[in-house]
Amino acid sequence: MSVVVSGLPAGARTTVTATATDTSGVPWTSSADFQAGPDRKVSLAQKPVSGYPAADPMALFGLMKPSRGDDVFFAGGRTVDVTLRASLDGKVVAQAIAHRRSPDDVGVRHRDLRPATDGLYGTLYLPADTSTPRPALVVFGGSEGGLSGVVIEAAALLAARGYPALALAYFHEPGLPATLTDVPLEYFARAVRLLRSQPGVDPDHVLVQGASRGGEGAWPSCIFVDAISFRLKQHHFRYPVTVLKYPDGGHYVGIFTTSYTSWTPAALEPAADGLTPGGTLPATLAGAADSHAKLLALLGSL
């Protein structure tokens, strides 16, 4: 998405504010100051004068703060209207509304899969148009187990972009191992085969995507990415290996759905189990958005 404010005085400091109300009725808002260039324009893709540290066209959408202090995540799940206002010296000079549509609103269809009938526990998401075969992905989560909201949202968002996706649980659901032990790799292979057989899927381009502990099922995981990449090159692996690294990006940088909603810094605080996601919120959001864009670019090139 590209947001540009034009017709401003050259060099003018312009405040751009984003506001939206989540599904629980809580208003969220963010703002940043930008300096208009000689072309008398301000773009959300340029580095702000203040508000956040680096150029990021989606930062105003990802860094909104709630009107009440105990909310950590923007409650989405449906089409959300985000109002953008540009102000000079406290006076609103331009306004527009960005519609952030949900997968359901663009015709994404889904079907639940269960071990007794399908040999898998998951949810299959197909785009509205399956007339042309396209790359597809099997998406699985981490040590939380089950069919988590993050995995479901990731698969649904991919289908909204036209790529069939299977949100897959591999433990902690009925018919699966109760804990993250003795999970057969053949289970993942079965998921790939099932996805290959679906309408609108290019059977030669079925990928897997895992975040957190799920990176082991997809591998390479973050910890060993350099070592694994080196070994692949040493053994003349037939496909190119791309490594993405995001300084100051925390654990959630691998969850590309992060870039579709607002988080507060509290999301990066230590969890009940003592684990700390780490990183800074702006860097994590920017890294998630960048990795998502690069994933979509890869899918588009296949």
C-alpha atoms as a PDB file:
ATOM      1  CA  MET A   1       0.000   0.000   0.000  1.00  0.00           C
ATOM      2  CA  SER A   2       1.229   3.497  -0.869  1.00  0.00           C
ATOM      3  CA  VAL A   3       0.051   6.558   1.069  1.00  0.00           C
ATOM      4  CA  VAL A   4       1.141   9.992  -0.181  1.00  0.00           C
ATOM      5  CA  VAL A   5       0.028  13.462   0.886  1.00  0.00           C
ATOM      6  CA  SER A   6       0.571  16.053  -1.866  1.00  0.00           C
ATOM      7  CA  GLY A   7       0.115  19.819  -2.207  1.00  0.00           C
ATOM      8  CA  LEU A   8       1.959  20.637   1.025  1.00  0.00           C
ATOM      9  CA  PRO A   9       4.322  23.590   1.458  1.00  0.00           C
ATOM     10  CA  ALA A  10       7.865  22.500   0.604  1.00  0.00           C
ATOM     11  CA  GLY A  11       9.753  21.675   3.784  1.00  0.00           C
ATOM     12  CA  ALA A  12       6.626  21.780   5.964  1.00  0.00           C
ATOM     13  CA  ARG A  13       6.534  19.518   9.006  1.00  0.00           C
ATOM     14  CA  THR A  14       3.396  17.437   8.649  1.00  0.00           C
ATOM     15  CA  THR A  15       1.797  15.218  11.291  1.00  0.00           C
ATOM     16  CA  VAL A  16       0.075  12.077  10.013  1.00  0.00           C
ATOM     17  CA  THR A  17      -2.262  10.286  12.439  1.00  0.00           C
ATOM     18  CA  ALA A  18      -3.862   6.857  12.107  1.00  0.00           C
ATOM     19  CA  THR A  19      -6.924   5.866  14.151  1.00  0.00           C
ATOM     20  CA  ALA A  20      -9.042   2.710  14.206  1.00  0.00           C
ATOM     21  CA  THR A  21     -11.452   0.883  16.517  1.00  0.00           C
ATOM     22  CA  ASP A  22     -10.910  -2.839  17.101  1.00  0.00           C
ATOM     23  CA  THR A  23     -13.593  -5.511  17.317  1.00  0.00           C
ATOM     24  CA  SER A  24     -13.876  -5.083  21.094  1.00  0.00           C
ATOM     25  CA  GLY A  25     -14.686  -1.380  20.676  1.00  0.00           C
ATOM     26  CA  VAL A  26     -11.307  -0.038  21.830  1.00  0.00           C
ATOM     27  CA  PRO A  27      -9.942   2.966  19.873  1.00  0.00           C
ATOM     28  CA  TRP A  28      -6.273   2.783  18.817  1.00  0.00           C
ATOM     29  CA  THR A  29      -4.125   5.614  17.454  1.00  0.00           C
ATOM     30  CA  SER A  30      -0.605   6.431  16.264  1.00  0.00           C
ATOM     31  CA  SER A  31       1.121   9.450  14.754  1.00  0.00           C
ATOM     32  CA  ALA A  32       4.414  10.554  13.251  1.00  0.00           C
ATOM     33  CA  ASP A  33       5.878  13.780  11.866  1.00  0.00           C
ATOM     34  CA  PHE A  34       7.237  13.988   8.317  1.00  0.00           C
ATOM     35  CA  GLN A  35       8.968  16.755   6.370  1.00  0.00           C
ATOM     36  CA  ALA A  36       7.599  17.569   2.930  1.00  0.00           C
ATOM     37  CA  GLY A  37      10.167  17.474   0.140  1.00  0.00           C
ATOM     38  CA  PRO A  38      10.728  19.951  -2.718  1.00  0.00           C
ATOM     39  CA  ASP A  39       7.948  18.132  -4.573  1.00  0.00           C
ATOM     40  CA  ARG A  40       5.588  19.261  -1.766  1.00  0.00           C
ATOM     41  CA  LYS A  41       4.772  15.653  -0.878  1.00  0.00           C
ATOM     42  CA  VAL A  42       4.971  13.414   2.162  1.00  0.00           C
ATOM     43  CA  SER A  43       4.985   9.614   1.843  1.00  0.00           C
ATOM     44  CA  LEU A  44       4.513   7.092   4.631  1.00  0.00           C
ATOM     45  CA  ALA A  45       7.399   5.226   2.993  1.00  0.00           C
ATOM     46  CA  GLN A  46       9.887   7.955   3.958  1.00  0.00           C
ATOM     47  CA  LYS A  47      11.737   8.191   7.260  1.00  0.00           C
ATOM     48  CA  PRO A  48       9.785  10.318   9.749  1.00  0.00           C
ATOM     49  CA  VAL A  49      11.195  13.256  11.646  1.00  0.00           C
ATOM     50  CA  SER A  50       9.715  11.760  14.809  1.00  0.00           C
ATOM     51  CA  GLY A  51       7.396   8.936  15.808  1.00  0.00           C
ATOM     52  CA  TYR A  52       9.514   5.870  14.986  1.00  0.00           C
ATOM     53  CA  PRO A  53      13.182   5.403  14.045  1.00  0.00           C
ATOM     54  CA  ALA A  54      13.269   4.212  10.423  1.00  0.00           C
ATOM     55  CA  ALA A  55      11.376   4.329   7.150  1.00  0.00           C
ATOM     56  CA  ASP A  56       8.488   1.856   7.266  1.00  0.00           C
ATOM     57  CA  PRO A  57       5.299   2.395   5.209  1.00  0.00           C
ATOM     58  CA  MET A  58       3.253   0.218   7.588  1.00  0.00           C
ATOM     59  CA  ALA A  59       4.558   1.578  10.898  1.00  0.00           C
ATOM     60  CA  LEU A  60       1.543   3.792  11.601  1.00  0.00           C
ATOM     61  CA  PHE A  61      -0.672   0.721  11.221  1.00  0.00           C
ATOM     62  CA  GLY A  62       1.510  -1.501  13.394  1.00  0.00           C
ATOM     63  CA  LEU A  63       2.356   0.958  16.169  1.00  0.00           C
ATOM     64  CA  MET A  64      -1.101   2.207  17.118  1.00  0.00           C
ATOM     65  CA  LYS A  65      -1.669   2.375  20.883  1.00  0.00           C
ATOM     66  CA  PRO A  66      -4.929   1.562  22.671  1.00  0.00           C
ATOM     67  CA  SER A  67      -6.994   4.025  24.650  1.00  0.00           C
ATOM     68  CA  ARG A  68      -6.823   1.692  27.652  1.00  0.00           C
ATOM     69  CA  GLY A  69      -3.532   0.461  29.014  1.00  0.00           C
ATOM     70  CA  ASP A  70      -4.196  -3.259  29.479  1.00  0.00           C
ATOM     71  CA  ASP A  71      -4.600  -4.125  25.795  1.00  0.00           C
ATOM     72  CA  VAL A  72      -1.592  -5.740  24.094  1.00  0.00           C
ATOM     73  CA  PHE A  73      -2.902  -6.625  20.621  1.00  0.00           C
ATOM     74  CA  PHE A  74      -5.376  -4.953  18.296  1.00  0.00           C
ATOM     75  CA  ALA A  75      -8.447  -7.213  18.191  1.00  0.00           C
ATOM     76  CA  GLY A  76      -9.084  -7.798  14.491  1.00  0.00           C
ATOM     77  CA  GLY A  77     -10.796 -10.580  12.580  1.00  0.00           C
ATOM     78  CA  ARG A  78     -12.868  -8.442  10.242  1.00  0.00           C
ATOM     79  CA  THR A  79     -12.504  -5.536   7.811  1.00  0.00           C
ATOM     80  CA  VAL A  80     -11.137  -2.544   9.710  1.00  0.00           C
ATOM     81  CA  ASP A  81     -11.327   1.089   8.626  1.00  0.00           C
ATOM     82  CA  VAL A  82      -8.194   3.052   9.486  1.00  0.00           C
ATOM     83  CA  THR A  83      -8.633   6.821   9.286  1.00  0.00           C
ATOM     84  CA  LEU A  84      -5.533   8.735   8.184  1.00  0.00           C
ATOM     85  CA  ARG A  85      -5.284  12.483   8.808  1.00  0.00           C
ATOM     86  CA  ALA A  86      -2.536  14.905   7.780  1.00  0.00           C
ATOM     87  CA  SER A  87      -2.194  18.078   9.866  1.00  0.00           C
ATOM     88  CA  LEU A  88      -0.223  21.322   9.555  1.00  0.00           C
ATOM     89  CA  ASP A  89       0.120  23.428  12.689  1.00  0.00           C
ATOM     90  CA  GLY A  90      -2.698  21.463  14.316  1.00  0.00           C
ATOM     91  CA  LYS A  91      -5.109  21.899  11.394  1.00  0.00           C
ATOM     92  CA  VAL A  92      -6.272  18.861   9.402  1.00  0.00           C
ATOM     93  CA  VAL A  93      -5.456  19.451   5.718  1.00  0.00           C
ATOM     94  CA  ALA A  94      -6.143  15.973   4.299  1.00  0.00           C
ATOM     95  CA  GLN A  95      -8.022  12.847   5.310  1.00  0.00           C
ATOM     96  CA  ALA A  96      -8.538   9.364   3.862  1.00  0.00           C
ATOM     97  CA  ILE A  97      -9.769   5.966   5.012  1.00  0.00           C
ATOM     98  CA  ALA A  98      -7.830   2.758   4.415  1.00  0.00           C
ATOM     99  CA  HIS A  99      -9.954  -0.394   4.396  1.00  0.00           C
ATOM    100  CA  ARG A 100      -8.049  -3.378   5.823  1.00  0.00           C
ATOM    101  CA  ARG A 101     -10.172  -6.231   4.510  1.00  0.00           C
ATOM    102  CA  SER A 102     -10.468  -9.640   6.154  1.00  0.00           C
ATOM    103  CA  PRO A 103      -9.917 -12.904   4.210  1.00  0.00           C
ATOM    104  CA  ASP A 104     -13.650 -13.660   4.390  1.00  0.00           C
ATOM    105  CA  ASP A 105     -14.417 -10.358   2.712  1.00  0.00           C
ATOM    106  CA  VAL A 106     -12.343 -11.296  -0.346  1.00  0.00           C
ATOM    107  CA  GLY A 107     -13.953 -14.712  -0.755  1.00  0.00           C
ATOM    108  CA  VAL A 108     -11.511 -17.020   0.996  1.00  0.00           C
ATOM    109  CA  ARG A 109     -13.048 -20.449   1.643  1.00  0.00           C
ATOM    110  CA  HIS A 110     -11.985 -22.870   4.346  1.00  0.00           C
ATOM    111  CA  ARG A 111     -12.534 -26.513   5.291  1.00  0.00           C
ATOM    112  CA  ASP A 112     -11.612 -28.270   8.521  1.00  0.00           C
ATOM    113  CA  LEU A 113      -9.513 -31.444   8.318  1.00  0.00           C
ATOM    114  CA  ARG A 114      -9.512 -34.100  11.037  1.00  0.00           C
ATOM    115  CA  PRO A 115      -7.385 -37.220  11.659  1.00  0.00           C
ATOM    116  CA  ALA A 116     -10.290 -39.679  11.451  1.00  0.00           C
ATOM    117  CA  THR A 117     -11.255 -38.605   7.942  1.00  0.00           C
ATOM    118  CA  ASP A 118      -8.200 -36.869   6.492  1.00  0.00           C
ATOM    119  CA  GLY A 119      -5.258 -38.176   8.512  1.00  0.00           C
ATOM    120  CA  LEU A 120      -4.475 -34.582   9.536  1.00  0.00           C
ATOM    121  CA  TYR A 121      -5.662 -31.954  11.977  1.00  0.00           C
ATOM    122  CA  GLY A 122      -5.856 -28.558  10.326  1.00  0.00           C
ATOM    123  CA  THR A 123      -7.827 -26.103   8.252  1.00  0.00           C
ATOM    124  CA  LEU A 124      -7.495 -25.743   4.488  1.00  0.00           C
ATOM    125  CA  TYR A 125      -7.831 -22.235   3.060  1.00  0.00           C
ATOM    126  CA  LEU A 126      -8.500 -21.683  -0.641  1.00  0.00           C
ATOM    127  CA  PRO A 127      -8.685 -18.358  -2.494  1.00  0.00           C
ATOM    128  CA  ALA A 128     -11.855 -17.289  -4.239  1.00  0.00           C
ATOM    129  CA  ASP A 129     -10.332 -18.048  -7.651  1.00  0.00           C
ATOM    130  CA  THR A 130      -8.749 -21.484  -8.060  1.00  0.00           C
ATOM    131  CA  SER A 131      -8.881 -21.598 -11.853  1.00  0.00           C
ATOM    132  CA  THR A 132      -5.121 -21.034 -12.212  1.00  0.00           C
ATOM    133  CA  PRO A 133      -2.673 -23.298 -10.311  1.00  0.00           C
ATOM    134  CA  ARG A 134      -0.514 -21.282  -7.933  1.00  0.00           C
ATOM    135  CA  PRO A 135       2.147 -22.019  -5.308  1.00  0.00           C
ATOM    136  CA  ALA A 136       0.754 -23.205  -1.973  1.00  0.00           C
ATOM    137  CA  LEU A 137       2.025 -23.454   1.603  1.00  0.00           C
ATOM    138  CA  VAL A 138       1.687 -25.714   4.618  1.00  0.00           C
ATOM    139  CA  VAL A 139       1.834 -23.440   7.685  1.00  0.00           C
ATOM    140  CA  PHE A 140       2.527 -24.668  11.222  1.00  0.00           C
ATOM    141  CA  GLY A 141       3.199 -23.006  14.533  1.00  0.00           C
ATOM    142  CA  GLY A 142       5.516 -23.555  17.451  1.00  0.00           C
ATOM    143  CA  SER A 143       5.636 -24.915  20.957  1.00  0.00           C
ATOM    144  CA  GLU A 144       2.154 -23.584  21.767  1.00  0.00           C
ATOM    145  CA  GLY A 145       0.782 -26.605  19.901  1.00  0.00           C
ATOM    146  CA  GLY A 146      -2.672 -27.033  18.481  1.00  0.00           C
ATOM    147  CA  LEU A 147      -4.177 -24.953  15.742  1.00  0.00           C
ATOM    148  CA  SER A 148      -3.243 -21.537  17.098  1.00  0.00           C
ATOM    149  CA  GLY A 149      -4.739 -18.262  15.980  1.00  0.00           C
ATOM    150  CA  VAL A 150      -1.393 -17.177  14.528  1.00  0.00           C
ATOM    151  CA  VAL A 151      -1.264 -20.216  12.227  1.00  0.00           C
ATOM    152  CA  ILE A 152      -4.906 -19.855  11.192  1.00  0.00           C
ATOM    153  CA  GLU A 153      -4.487 -16.158  10.433  1.00  0.00           C
ATOM    154  CA  ALA A 154      -1.291 -16.745   8.449  1.00  0.00           C
ATOM    155  CA  ALA A 155      -2.918 -19.379   6.237  1.00  0.00           C
ATOM    156  CA  ALA A 156      -6.048 -17.271   5.727  1.00  0.00           C
ATOM    157  CA  LEU A 157      -3.985 -14.209   4.779  1.00  0.00           C
ATOM    158  CA  LEU A 158      -1.984 -16.203   2.245  1.00  0.00           C
ATOM    159  CA  ALA A 159      -5.202 -17.448   0.678  1.00  0.00           C
ATOM    160  CA  ALA A 160      -6.436 -13.864   0.556  1.00  0.00           C
ATOM    161  CA  ARG A 161      -3.396 -13.087  -1.596  1.00  0.00           C
ATOM    162  CA  GLY A 162      -4.321 -15.951  -3.919  1.00  0.00           C
ATOM    163  CA  TYR A 163      -2.124 -18.725  -2.488  1.00  0.00           C
ATOM    164  CA  PRO A 164      -3.811 -21.892  -1.131  1.00  0.00           C
ATOM    165  CA  ALA A 165      -2.626 -22.689   2.377  1.00  0.00           C
ATOM    166  CA  LEU A 166      -3.046 -25.414   4.960  1.00  0.00           C
ATOM    167  CA  ALA A 167      -2.939 -24.410   8.635  1.00  0.00           C
ATOM    168  CA  LEU A 168      -1.579 -27.540  10.279  1.00  0.00           C
ATOM    169  CA  ALA A 169      -1.529 -28.726  13.891  1.00  0.00           C
ATOM    170  CA  TYR A 170       1.024 -31.427  14.697  1.00  0.00           C
ATOM    171  CA  PHE A 171       0.438 -31.999  18.419  1.00  0.00           C
ATOM    172  CA  HIS A 172      -1.911 -31.006  21.256  1.00  0.00           C
ATOM    173  CA  GLU A 173      -5.135 -31.679  19.321  1.00  0.00           C
ATOM    174  CA  PRO A 174      -7.474 -34.722  19.319  1.00  0.00           C
ATOM    175  CA  GLY A 175      -5.947 -37.611  17.408  1.00  0.00           C
ATOM    176  CA  LEU A 176      -2.403 -36.160  17.639  1.00  0.00           C
ATOM    177  CA  PRO A 177       0.417 -36.538  20.183  1.00  0.00           C
ATOM    178  CA  ALA A 178      -0.493 -34.717  23.389  1.00  0.00           C
ATOM    179  CA  THR A 179       2.956 -33.162  23.726  1.00  0.00           C
ATOM    180  CA  LEU A 180       5.798 -32.233  21.410  1.00  0.00           C
ATOM    181  CA  THR A 181       7.250 -35.750  21.398  1.00  0.00           C
ATOM    182  CA  ASP A 182       7.266 -38.564  18.882  1.00  0.00           C
ATOM    183  CA  VAL A 183       5.850 -36.438  16.046  1.00  0.00           C
ATOM    184  CA  PRO A 184       6.490 -38.457  12.856  1.00  0.00           C
ATOM    185  CA  LEU A 185       7.945 -36.549   9.910  1.00  0.00           C
ATOM    186  CA  GLU A 186       5.661 -38.588   7.668  1.00  0.00           C
ATOM    187  CA  TYR A 187       2.784 -36.528   9.090  1.00  0.00           C
ATOM    188  CA  PHE A 188       4.179 -33.391   7.435  1.00  0.00           C
ATOM    189  CA  ALA A 189       4.707 -35.264   4.173  1.00  0.00           C
ATOM    190  CA  ARG A 190       1.048 -36.317   4.271  1.00  0.00           C
ATOM    191  CA  ALA A 191       0.040 -32.662   4.623  1.00  0.00           C
ATOM    192  CA  VAL A 192       2.106 -31.725   1.574  1.00  0.00           C
ATOM    193  CA  ARG A 193       0.519 -34.504  -0.482  1.00  0.00           C
ATOM    194  CA  LEU A 194      -2.981 -33.458   0.535  1.00  0.00           C
ATOM    195  CA  LEU A 195      -2.319 -29.825  -0.340  1.00  0.00           C
ATOM    196  CA  ARG A 196      -0.873 -30.813  -3.722  1.00  0.00           C
ATOM    197  CA  SER A 197      -4.186 -32.464  -4.623  1.00  0.00           C
ATOM    198  CA  GLN A 198      -6.330 -29.374  -3.979  1.00  0.00           C
ATOM    199  CA  PRO A 199      -7.859 -27.200  -6.723  1.00  0.00           C
ATOM    200  CA  GLY A 200      -5.796 -24.161  -7.590  1.00  0.00           C
ATOM    201  CA  VAL A 201      -2.550 -25.692  -6.289  1.00  0.00           C
ATOM    202  CA  ASP A 202       0.564 -25.999  -8.433  1.00  0.00           C
ATOM    203  CA  PRO A 203       1.792 -29.439  -7.291  1.00  0.00           C
ATOM    204  CA  ASP A 204       5.380 -28.614  -8.220  1.00  0.00           C
ATOM    205  CA  HIS A 205       5.504 -25.606  -5.893  1.00  0.00           C
ATOM    206  CA  VAL A 206       4.234 -26.567  -2.436  1.00  0.00           C
ATOM    207  CA  LEU A 207       6.265 -24.892   0.298  1.00  0.00           C
ATOM    208  CA  VAL A 208       6.334 -25.198   4.078  1.00  0.00           C
ATOM    209  CA  GLN A 209       6.493 -22.347   6.553  1.00  0.00           C
ATOM    210  CA  GLY A 210       7.122 -22.639  10.274  1.00  0.00           C
ATOM    211  CA  ALA A 211       7.713 -20.102  13.014  1.00  0.00           C
ATOM    212  CA  SER A 212       9.303 -20.537  16.439  1.00  0.00           C
ATOM    213  CA  ARG A 213       9.509 -24.279  17.229  1.00  0.00           C
ATOM    214  CA  GLY A 214       7.722 -24.908  13.957  1.00  0.00           C
ATOM    215  CA  GLY A 215      10.915 -23.770  12.235  1.00  0.00           C
ATOM    216  CA  GLU A 216      12.273 -27.218  13.039  1.00  0.00           C
ATOM    217  CA  GLY A 217       9.485 -28.833  11.056  1.00  0.00           C
ATOM    218  CA  ALA A 218      10.094 -26.493   8.131  1.00  0.00           C
ATOM    219  CA  TRP A 219      13.745 -25.885   8.798  1.00  0.00           C
ATOM    220  CA  PRO A 220      16.220 -24.037   8.679  1.00  0.00           C
ATOM    221  CA  SER A 221      15.539 -22.672  12.227  1.00  0.00           C
ATOM    222  CA  CYS A 222      16.984 -19.317  13.224  1.00  0.00           C
ATOM    223  CA  ILE A 223      19.649 -20.717  15.518  1.00  0.00           C
ATOM    224  CA  PHE A 224      21.272 -22.916  12.880  1.00  0.00           C
ATOM    225  CA  VAL A 225      20.443 -21.003   9.725  1.00  0.00           C
ATOM    226  CA  ASP A 226      24.038 -20.068   8.940  1.00  0.00           C
ATOM    227  CA  ALA A 227      25.395 -23.568   9.553  1.00  0.00           C
ATOM    228  CA  ILE A 228      22.630 -25.230   7.564  1.00  0.00           C
ATOM    229  CA  SER A 229      22.928 -22.754   4.706  1.00  0.00           C
ATOM    230  CA  PHE A 230      26.678 -23.386   4.546  1.00  0.00           C
ATOM    231  CA  ARG A 231      26.185 -27.152   4.464  1.00  0.00           C
ATOM    232  CA  LEU A 232      23.567 -26.866   1.728  1.00  0.00           C
ATOM    233  CA  LYS A 233      25.953 -24.852  -0.428  1.00  0.00           C
ATOM    234  CA  GLN A 234      28.805 -27.284   0.268  1.00  0.00           C
ATOM    235  CA  HIS A 235      26.623 -30.140  -0.961  1.00  0.00           C
ATOM    236  CA  HIS A 236      25.547 -28.190  -4.065  1.00  0.00           C
ATOM    237  CA  PHE A 237      21.905 -27.864  -3.031  1.00  0.00           C
ATOM    238  CA  ARG A 238      19.922 -27.276  -6.232  1.00  0.00           C
ATOM    239  CA  TYR A 239      17.941 -24.297  -4.942  1.00  0.00           C
ATOM    240  CA  PRO A 240      19.256 -20.868  -3.869  1.00  0.00           C
ATOM    241  CA  VAL A 241      19.364 -20.189  -0.135  1.00  0.00           C
ATOM    242  CA  THR A 242      18.364 -16.751   1.142  1.00  0.00           C
ATOM    243  CA  VAL A 243      19.060 -15.728   4.728  1.00  0.00           C
ATOM    244  CA  LEU A 244      17.164 -12.782   6.214  1.00  0.00           C
ATOM    245  CA  LYS A 245      18.526 -11.164   9.359  1.00  0.00           C
ATOM    246  CA  TYR A 246      16.888  -8.302  11.230  1.00  0.00           C
ATOM    247  CA  PRO A 247      19.010  -6.499  13.834  1.00  0.00           C
ATOM    248  CA  ASP A 248      16.937  -5.709  16.937  1.00  0.00           C
ATOM    249  CA  GLY A 249      14.114  -7.883  15.617  1.00  0.00           C
ATOM    250  CA  GLY A 250      12.792 -10.215  18.300  1.00  0.00           C
ATOM    251  CA  HIS A 251      11.260 -13.677  18.310  1.00  0.00           C
ATOM    252  CA  TYR A 252       8.052 -12.522  16.645  1.00  0.00           C
ATOM    253  CA  VAL A 253       9.858 -11.262  13.550  1.00  0.00           C
ATOM    254  CA  GLY A 254       9.257 -14.681  12.000  1.00  0.00           C
ATOM    255  CA  ILE A 255       5.493 -14.380  12.368  1.00  0.00           C
ATOM    256  CA  PHE A 256       4.530 -12.335   9.334  1.00  0.00           C
ATOM    257  CA  THR A 257       0.975 -11.780  10.570  1.00  0.00           C
ATOM    258  CA  THR A 258       2.645  -9.406  13.046  1.00  0.00           C
ATOM    259  CA  SER A 259       2.659  -6.779  10.308  1.00  0.00           C
ATOM    260  CA  TYR A 260      -1.136  -6.956   9.933  1.00  0.00           C
ATOM    261  CA  THR A 261      -2.079  -5.632  13.346  1.00  0.00           C
ATOM    262  CA  SER A 262      -0.936  -3.309  16.094  1.00  0.00           C
ATOM    263  CA  TRP A 263       1.096  -4.494  19.066  1.00  0.00           C
ATOM    264  CA  THR A 264       2.193  -2.648  22.167  1.00  0.00           C
ATOM    265  CA  PRO A 265       5.642  -2.950  23.811  1.00  0.00           C
ATOM    266  CA  ALA A 266       4.012  -5.150  26.473  1.00  0.00           C
ATOM    267  CA  ALA A 267       3.907  -7.925  23.855  1.00  0.00           C
ATOM    268  CA  LEU A 268       7.691  -8.190  24.124  1.00  0.00           C
ATOM    269  CA  GLU A 269       7.781  -8.516  27.906  1.00  0.00           C
ATOM    270  CA  PRO A 270       8.665 -11.874  29.537  1.00  0.00           C
ATOM    271  CA  ALA A 271       5.900 -14.453  29.248  1.00  0.00           C
ATOM    272  CA  ALA A 272       4.494 -16.530  32.106  1.00  0.00           C
ATOM    273  CA  ASP A 273       6.988 -19.299  31.303  1.00  0.00           C
ATOM    274  CA  GLY A 274       9.866 -16.841  31.671  1.00  0.00           C
ATOM    275  CA  LEU A 275      10.707 -16.679  27.970  1.00  0.00           C
ATOM    276  CA  THR A 276      11.411 -13.212  26.574  1.00  0.00           C
ATOM    277  CA  PRO A 277      10.639 -12.489  22.887  1.00  0.00           C
ATOM    278  CA  GLY A 278      13.385  -9.854  22.825  1.00  0.00           C
ATOM    279  CA  GLY A 279      14.072  -7.142  20.284  1.00  0.00           C
ATOM    280  CA  THR A 280      12.394  -3.783  19.890  1.00  0.00           C
ATOM    281  CA  LEU A 281       8.822  -3.350  18.733  1.00  0.00           C
ATOM    282  CA  PRO A 282       9.582  -1.111  15.688  1.00  0.00           C
ATOM    283  CA  ALA A 283      12.351  -3.462  14.494  1.00  0.00           C
ATOM    284  CA  THR A 284      10.204  -6.539  15.012  1.00  0.00           C
ATOM    285  CA  LEU A 285       7.270  -5.051  13.106  1.00  0.00           C
ATOM    286  CA  ALA A 286       9.499  -3.802  10.291  1.00  0.00           C
ATOM    287  CA  GLY A 287      11.246  -7.168  10.033  1.00  0.00           C
ATOM    288  CA  ALA A 288       7.954  -9.055   9.962  1.00  0.00           C
ATOM    289  CA  ALA A 289       6.641  -6.786   7.207  1.00  0.00           C
ATOM    290  CA  ASP A 290       9.855  -7.167   5.197  1.00  0.00           C
ATOM    291  CA  SER A 291       9.948 -10.957   5.503  1.00  0.00           C
ATOM    292  CA  HIS A 292       6.283 -11.146   4.504  1.00  0.00           C
ATOM    293  CA  ALA A 293       6.909  -8.977   1.428  1.00  0.00           C
ATOM    294  CA  LYS A 294       9.856 -11.163   0.447  1.00  0.00           C
ATOM    295  CA  LEU A 295       7.771 -14.325   0.899  1.00  0.00           C
ATOM    296  CA  LEU A 296       5.064 -12.926  -1.375  1.00  0.00           C
ATOM    297  CA  ALA A 297       7.740 -11.924  -3.910  1.00  0.00           C
ATOM    298  CA  LEU A 298       9.120 -15.468  -3.842  1.00  0.00           C
ATOM    299  CA  LEU A 299       5.670 -16.974  -4.358  1.00  0.00           C
ATOM    300  CA  GLY A 300       5.029 -14.566  -7.209  1.00  0.00           C
ATOM    301  CA  SER A 301       8.238 -15.617  -8.925  1.00  0.00           C
ATOM    302  CA  LEU A 302       7.426 -19.346  -8.955  1.00  0.00           C
END
